[in-house]
Protein backbone atom coordinates (compact mmCIF):
# COMPACT_ATOMS: atom_id res chain seq x y z
CA UNK A 1 35.66 88.80 -42.98
CA UNK A 2 39.07 90.27 -42.28
CA UNK A 3 38.76 93.74 -40.85
CA UNK A 4 40.75 96.53 -42.48
CA UNK A 5 40.62 100.19 -41.45
CA UNK A 6 38.27 102.31 -43.54
CA UNK A 7 36.98 105.81 -44.06
CA UNK A 8 34.78 105.66 -40.95
CA UNK A 9 37.76 106.07 -38.61
CA UNK A 10 36.65 108.32 -35.75
CA UNK A 11 38.13 111.75 -35.25
CA UNK A 12 38.75 113.24 -31.83
CA UNK A 13 35.56 115.27 -32.24
CA UNK A 14 33.56 112.10 -32.91
CA UNK A 15 34.58 110.68 -29.53
CA UNK A 16 34.57 113.80 -27.39
CA UNK A 17 31.76 115.91 -28.87
CA UNK A 18 30.51 118.49 -26.40
CA UNK A 19 27.20 117.64 -24.74
CA UNK A 20 24.95 120.25 -23.19
CA UNK A 21 25.43 120.03 -19.43
CA UNK A 22 21.68 119.62 -18.92
CA UNK A 23 21.27 116.87 -21.51
CA UNK A 24 19.91 113.57 -20.29
CA UNK A 25 19.84 111.56 -23.51
CA UNK A 26 19.89 111.93 -27.28
CA UNK A 27 17.48 110.12 -29.59
CA UNK A 28 17.74 109.58 -33.34
CA UNK A 29 14.51 108.19 -34.79
CA UNK A 30 14.37 106.48 -38.16
CA UNK A 31 11.98 104.39 -40.26
CA UNK A 32 13.59 101.11 -39.21
CA UNK A 33 13.00 98.25 -36.75
CA UNK A 34 16.61 98.36 -35.54
CA UNK A 35 17.58 100.29 -32.39
CA UNK A 36 21.01 100.76 -30.83
CA UNK A 37 21.49 102.06 -27.29
CA UNK A 38 24.51 103.10 -25.22
CA UNK A 39 23.02 103.76 -21.79
CA UNK A 40 26.31 103.64 -19.87
CA UNK A 41 28.21 105.88 -22.31
CA UNK A 42 27.64 109.03 -20.23
CA UNK A 43 30.09 110.66 -17.84
CA UNK A 44 28.30 113.85 -16.78
CA UNK A 45 26.87 114.56 -13.33
CA UNK A 46 24.33 117.19 -12.44
CA UNK A 47 25.63 119.81 -10.05
CA UNK A 48 24.01 118.55 -6.85
CA UNK A 49 25.41 115.05 -7.44
CA UNK A 50 28.87 116.30 -8.35
CA UNK A 51 28.95 118.38 -5.16
CA UNK A 52 28.84 115.29 -2.91
CA UNK A 53 30.59 112.78 -5.18
CA UNK A 54 33.65 111.29 -3.52
CA UNK A 55 34.82 109.18 -6.46
CA UNK A 56 37.03 111.10 -8.88
CA UNK A 57 36.43 111.34 -12.63
CA UNK A 58 39.02 108.67 -13.47
CA UNK A 59 37.46 106.23 -11.03
CA UNK A 60 34.03 106.81 -12.52
CA UNK A 61 35.27 106.49 -16.07
CA UNK A 62 36.81 103.12 -15.29
CA UNK A 63 33.39 101.65 -14.57
CA UNK A 64 31.48 103.52 -17.27
CA UNK A 65 31.25 102.42 -20.90
CA UNK A 66 33.01 105.23 -22.77
CA UNK A 67 32.96 105.19 -26.57
CA UNK A 68 30.10 102.69 -26.80
CA UNK A 69 27.99 105.35 -28.51
CA UNK A 70 30.42 105.18 -31.42
CA UNK A 71 29.67 101.49 -31.93
CA UNK A 72 26.00 102.23 -32.71
CA UNK A 73 26.65 105.24 -34.95
CA UNK A 74 25.19 103.45 -37.99
CA UNK A 75 22.18 101.86 -36.29
CA UNK A 76 19.15 103.73 -37.69
CA UNK A 77 17.42 104.36 -34.34
CA UNK A 78 19.78 105.38 -31.55
CA UNK A 79 19.52 106.32 -27.88
CA UNK A 80 22.60 107.62 -26.05
CA UNK A 81 22.44 108.41 -22.34
CA UNK A 82 24.69 111.30 -21.29
CA UNK A 83 24.66 111.05 -17.50
CA UNK A 84 27.05 108.83 -15.57
CA UNK A 85 25.82 105.55 -14.17
CA UNK A 86 27.10 106.95 -10.85
CA UNK A 87 24.25 109.47 -10.97
CA UNK A 88 21.62 106.99 -12.14
CA UNK A 89 22.12 103.51 -13.56
CA UNK A 90 19.47 102.88 -16.18
CA UNK A 91 20.42 99.22 -16.42
CA UNK A 92 19.29 98.48 -12.87
CA UNK A 93 15.78 98.49 -11.54
CA UNK A 94 14.65 101.50 -9.54
CA UNK A 95 15.54 99.90 -6.22
CA UNK A 96 19.21 99.64 -7.14
CA UNK A 97 19.59 102.37 -9.73
CA UNK A 98 21.30 104.81 -7.33
CA UNK A 99 24.41 103.29 -5.80
CA UNK A 100 24.26 103.98 -2.07
CA UNK A 101 26.58 101.28 -0.71
CA UNK A 102 30.00 100.10 -1.89
CA UNK A 103 28.71 96.58 -2.49
CA UNK A 104 26.41 98.01 -5.17
CA UNK A 105 29.37 99.49 -7.04
CA UNK A 106 32.38 97.16 -7.20
CA UNK A 107 33.30 97.98 -3.60
CA UNK A 108 33.87 101.65 -4.39
CA UNK A 109 33.28 104.33 -1.78
CA UNK A 110 31.36 106.71 -4.02
CA UNK A 111 30.04 109.46 -1.82
CA UNK A 112 31.82 112.15 0.19
CA UNK A 113 28.43 112.77 1.76
CA UNK A 114 25.47 110.40 1.69
CA UNK A 115 22.79 111.62 -0.73
CA UNK A 116 19.61 112.94 0.82
CA UNK A 117 16.38 111.19 -0.04
CA UNK A 118 15.21 114.13 -2.15
CA UNK A 119 18.33 113.95 -4.32
CA UNK A 120 17.87 110.21 -4.79
CA UNK A 121 14.27 110.78 -5.83
CA UNK A 122 15.33 113.32 -8.45
CA UNK A 123 17.72 110.74 -9.88
CA UNK A 124 14.99 108.11 -9.87
CA UNK A 125 12.71 110.54 -11.69
CA UNK A 126 15.24 110.45 -14.55
CA UNK A 127 15.12 106.64 -14.51
CA UNK A 128 11.31 106.69 -14.72
CA UNK A 129 11.33 109.30 -17.48
CA UNK A 130 13.80 107.30 -19.52
CA UNK A 131 11.70 104.15 -19.41
CA UNK A 132 8.54 106.09 -20.23
CA UNK A 133 10.32 107.52 -23.28
CA UNK A 134 11.67 104.09 -24.25
CA UNK A 135 8.24 102.48 -23.98
CA UNK A 136 6.69 105.15 -26.16
CA UNK A 137 9.42 104.86 -28.79
CA UNK A 138 9.39 101.06 -28.93
CA UNK A 139 5.58 100.99 -29.05
CA UNK A 140 5.67 103.19 -32.13
CA UNK A 141 8.36 101.08 -33.80
CA UNK A 142 6.48 97.86 -33.03
CA UNK A 143 3.26 99.34 -34.45
CA UNK A 144 5.07 100.39 -37.61
CA UNK A 145 7.19 97.30 -38.22
CA UNK A 146 5.60 94.47 -36.25
CA UNK A 147 8.87 93.39 -34.63
CA UNK A 148 12.12 95.10 -33.67
CA UNK A 149 15.64 94.35 -32.47
CA UNK A 150 17.32 96.47 -29.82
CA UNK A 151 21.11 96.22 -29.52
CA UNK A 152 21.96 97.10 -25.92
CA UNK A 153 25.66 98.00 -26.14
CA UNK A 154 27.92 97.88 -23.08
CA UNK A 155 31.54 97.18 -22.22
CA UNK A 156 33.35 95.46 -19.37
CA UNK A 157 36.70 95.59 -17.61
CA UNK A 158 39.14 92.71 -17.83
CA UNK A 159 42.17 94.18 -16.06
CA UNK A 160 40.84 94.59 -12.56
CA UNK A 161 44.19 93.55 -11.06
CA UNK A 162 45.68 96.87 -12.13
CA UNK A 163 47.38 98.17 -15.28
CA UNK A 164 50.32 95.81 -14.80
CA UNK A 165 48.37 92.89 -13.33
CA UNK A 166 47.17 89.76 -15.04
CA UNK A 167 44.00 90.21 -17.10
CA UNK A 168 40.91 88.08 -16.62
CA UNK A 169 41.58 84.66 -18.20
CA UNK A 170 40.29 84.49 -21.75
CA UNK A 171 38.11 81.51 -20.86
CA UNK A 172 36.05 83.89 -18.73
CA UNK A 173 36.33 87.00 -20.89
CA UNK A 174 35.21 86.79 -24.52
CA UNK A 175 35.87 89.80 -26.70
CA UNK A 176 32.12 90.03 -27.25
CA UNK A 177 29.72 88.60 -24.69
CA UNK A 178 26.12 88.18 -25.84
CA UNK A 179 23.59 88.16 -23.00
CA UNK A 180 20.30 86.42 -23.68
CA UNK A 181 19.01 85.21 -20.32
CA UNK A 182 16.00 87.55 -20.20
CA UNK A 183 14.65 86.66 -23.63
CA UNK A 184 12.62 83.73 -24.92
CA UNK A 185 15.70 82.20 -26.52
CA UNK A 186 13.79 79.73 -28.70
CA UNK A 187 11.50 82.46 -30.04
CA UNK A 188 14.40 84.70 -31.03
CA UNK A 189 16.98 82.10 -32.11
CA UNK A 190 16.42 83.03 -35.76
CA UNK A 191 17.66 86.56 -34.89
CA UNK A 192 20.32 85.92 -32.24
CA UNK A 193 22.14 83.04 -33.92
CA UNK A 194 22.76 84.76 -37.30
CA UNK A 195 23.73 87.93 -35.44
CA UNK A 196 26.38 86.09 -33.44
CA UNK A 197 27.67 84.35 -36.56
CA UNK A 198 27.97 87.72 -38.27
CA UNK A 199 30.17 89.00 -35.44
CA UNK A 200 32.23 85.81 -35.43
CA UNK A 201 32.86 86.29 -39.13
CA UNK A 202 35.17 89.21 -38.38
CA UNK A 203 38.91 88.88 -38.01
CA UNK A 204 40.68 91.69 -36.19
CA UNK A 205 44.47 91.99 -36.05
CA UNK A 206 44.82 88.52 -37.43
CA UNK A 207 42.49 86.82 -34.98
CA UNK A 208 38.82 85.83 -35.31
CA UNK A 209 36.48 87.56 -32.91
CA UNK A 210 35.75 85.56 -29.78
CA UNK A 211 31.96 85.82 -29.47
CA UNK A 212 30.26 83.77 -26.77
CA UNK A 213 26.91 83.72 -25.04
CA UNK A 214 26.23 84.25 -21.31
CA UNK A 215 29.85 83.86 -20.15
CA UNK A 216 31.00 87.09 -18.47
CA UNK A 217 27.43 88.43 -18.28
CA UNK A 218 24.02 86.94 -18.97
CA UNK A 219 22.03 89.97 -20.04
CA UNK A 220 20.22 90.43 -16.73
CA UNK A 221 20.16 94.23 -16.99
CA UNK A 222 16.99 96.25 -16.58
CA UNK A 223 16.75 97.44 -20.17
CA UNK A 224 16.61 94.01 -21.79
CA UNK A 225 14.28 92.79 -19.04
CA UNK A 226 12.01 95.78 -19.68
CA UNK A 227 11.88 95.12 -23.41
CA UNK A 228 11.05 91.44 -23.05
CA UNK A 229 8.49 92.07 -20.30
CA UNK A 230 6.67 94.78 -22.23
CA UNK A 231 7.12 93.53 -25.79
CA UNK A 232 7.24 89.73 -25.44
CA UNK A 233 6.01 89.03 -28.97
CA UNK A 234 7.56 91.93 -30.85
CA UNK A 235 10.82 92.93 -29.15
CA UNK A 236 14.18 91.18 -29.21
CA UNK A 237 16.72 92.95 -26.98
CA UNK A 238 20.28 91.63 -27.20
CA UNK A 239 22.74 92.63 -24.46
CA UNK A 240 26.17 93.09 -26.05
CA UNK A 241 29.23 93.49 -23.82
CA UNK A 242 32.47 94.39 -25.56
CA UNK A 243 35.52 93.56 -23.50
CA UNK A 244 37.53 96.78 -23.23
CA UNK A 245 40.01 95.73 -25.90
CA UNK A 246 39.12 99.04 -27.55
CA UNK A 247 40.69 101.19 -24.82
CA UNK A 248 43.05 101.24 -21.87
CA UNK A 249 40.64 100.84 -18.98
CA UNK A 250 43.12 102.44 -16.55
CA UNK A 251 44.06 105.56 -18.53
CA UNK A 252 40.86 105.91 -20.54
CA UNK A 253 42.84 106.16 -23.79
CA UNK A 254 40.89 104.80 -26.79
CA UNK A 255 42.31 102.45 -29.42
CA UNK A 256 41.00 104.11 -32.57
CA UNK A 257 41.50 101.10 -34.83
CA UNK A 258 39.64 98.84 -32.41
CA UNK A 259 36.77 101.33 -32.11
CA UNK A 260 36.51 101.46 -35.87
CA UNK A 261 36.35 97.66 -35.92
CA UNK A 262 33.58 97.65 -33.29
CA UNK A 263 31.52 100.03 -35.35
CA UNK A 264 32.15 98.06 -38.53
CA UNK A 265 31.06 94.81 -36.89
CA UNK A 266 27.79 96.28 -35.69
CA UNK A 267 27.18 98.00 -39.02
CA UNK A 268 27.77 94.78 -40.96
CA UNK A 269 25.27 92.95 -38.74
CA UNK A 270 22.38 95.27 -39.58
CA UNK A 271 21.41 93.64 -42.90
CA UNK A 272 21.62 90.26 -41.16
CA UNK A 273 19.18 91.43 -38.50
CA UNK A 274 16.80 92.87 -41.08
CA UNK A 275 16.82 89.62 -43.07
CA UNK A 276 16.13 87.66 -39.88
CA UNK A 277 13.11 89.83 -39.06
CA UNK A 278 11.78 89.57 -42.62
CA UNK A 279 12.10 85.80 -42.53
CA UNK A 280 9.78 85.61 -39.53
CA UNK A 281 7.28 88.22 -40.71
């Protein structure tokens, strides 16, 4: 399928909608077995974290996954996390979910002042609350539909040598990296394989989408692990890493046409996922 721009093109308000400063996450619940999440989309910090944060907003944004919430706009069930991964990283287990050392965070010196234990605990309380909410939501969806698919949307940098430096070689940096290491791959092949073929069926700016499995990342994040550990027979969680071809990772400027294409690719995959689940029912 050759991608052409359509009516779903995002406006500035779509991408920068104001979020209540106290908001942790947003949930849209639907009568569907399909869930989309963007747990690194957030940029906000609560006041006590912001007060001792040494890394500036641009530095944080570079390692966050801005605009990923837009990619799941048409997935019936949606969870968007609004806090920065530099406050609490939901895709790491509790032991590593608060970055305390540079080696936990791409070598970055994050803190102007080391967080006190009480502050760290309050961040970890958010982590625990999120996974309690997720378990409750997925349990209800599994009870209603038997099986579900969770699309765990992320993005990754490929210009770490600077804005004028060489990008990561394409051999190591697919446009879309599908991470499946935490799942029973044989059990869920009937879902994952058609999903990947659906994404590969898109052509963007004259080129087919480069979709590969377990190349830049293997899907070892906490959310997919949690799904497969707690819902081994009913839950298929697919870690999806979009290379940041949809934005300038150094300035933070989005490429609107590329974002529209991302959303269209995910939207077009939804009937494929539903058919795959029905076939195994």
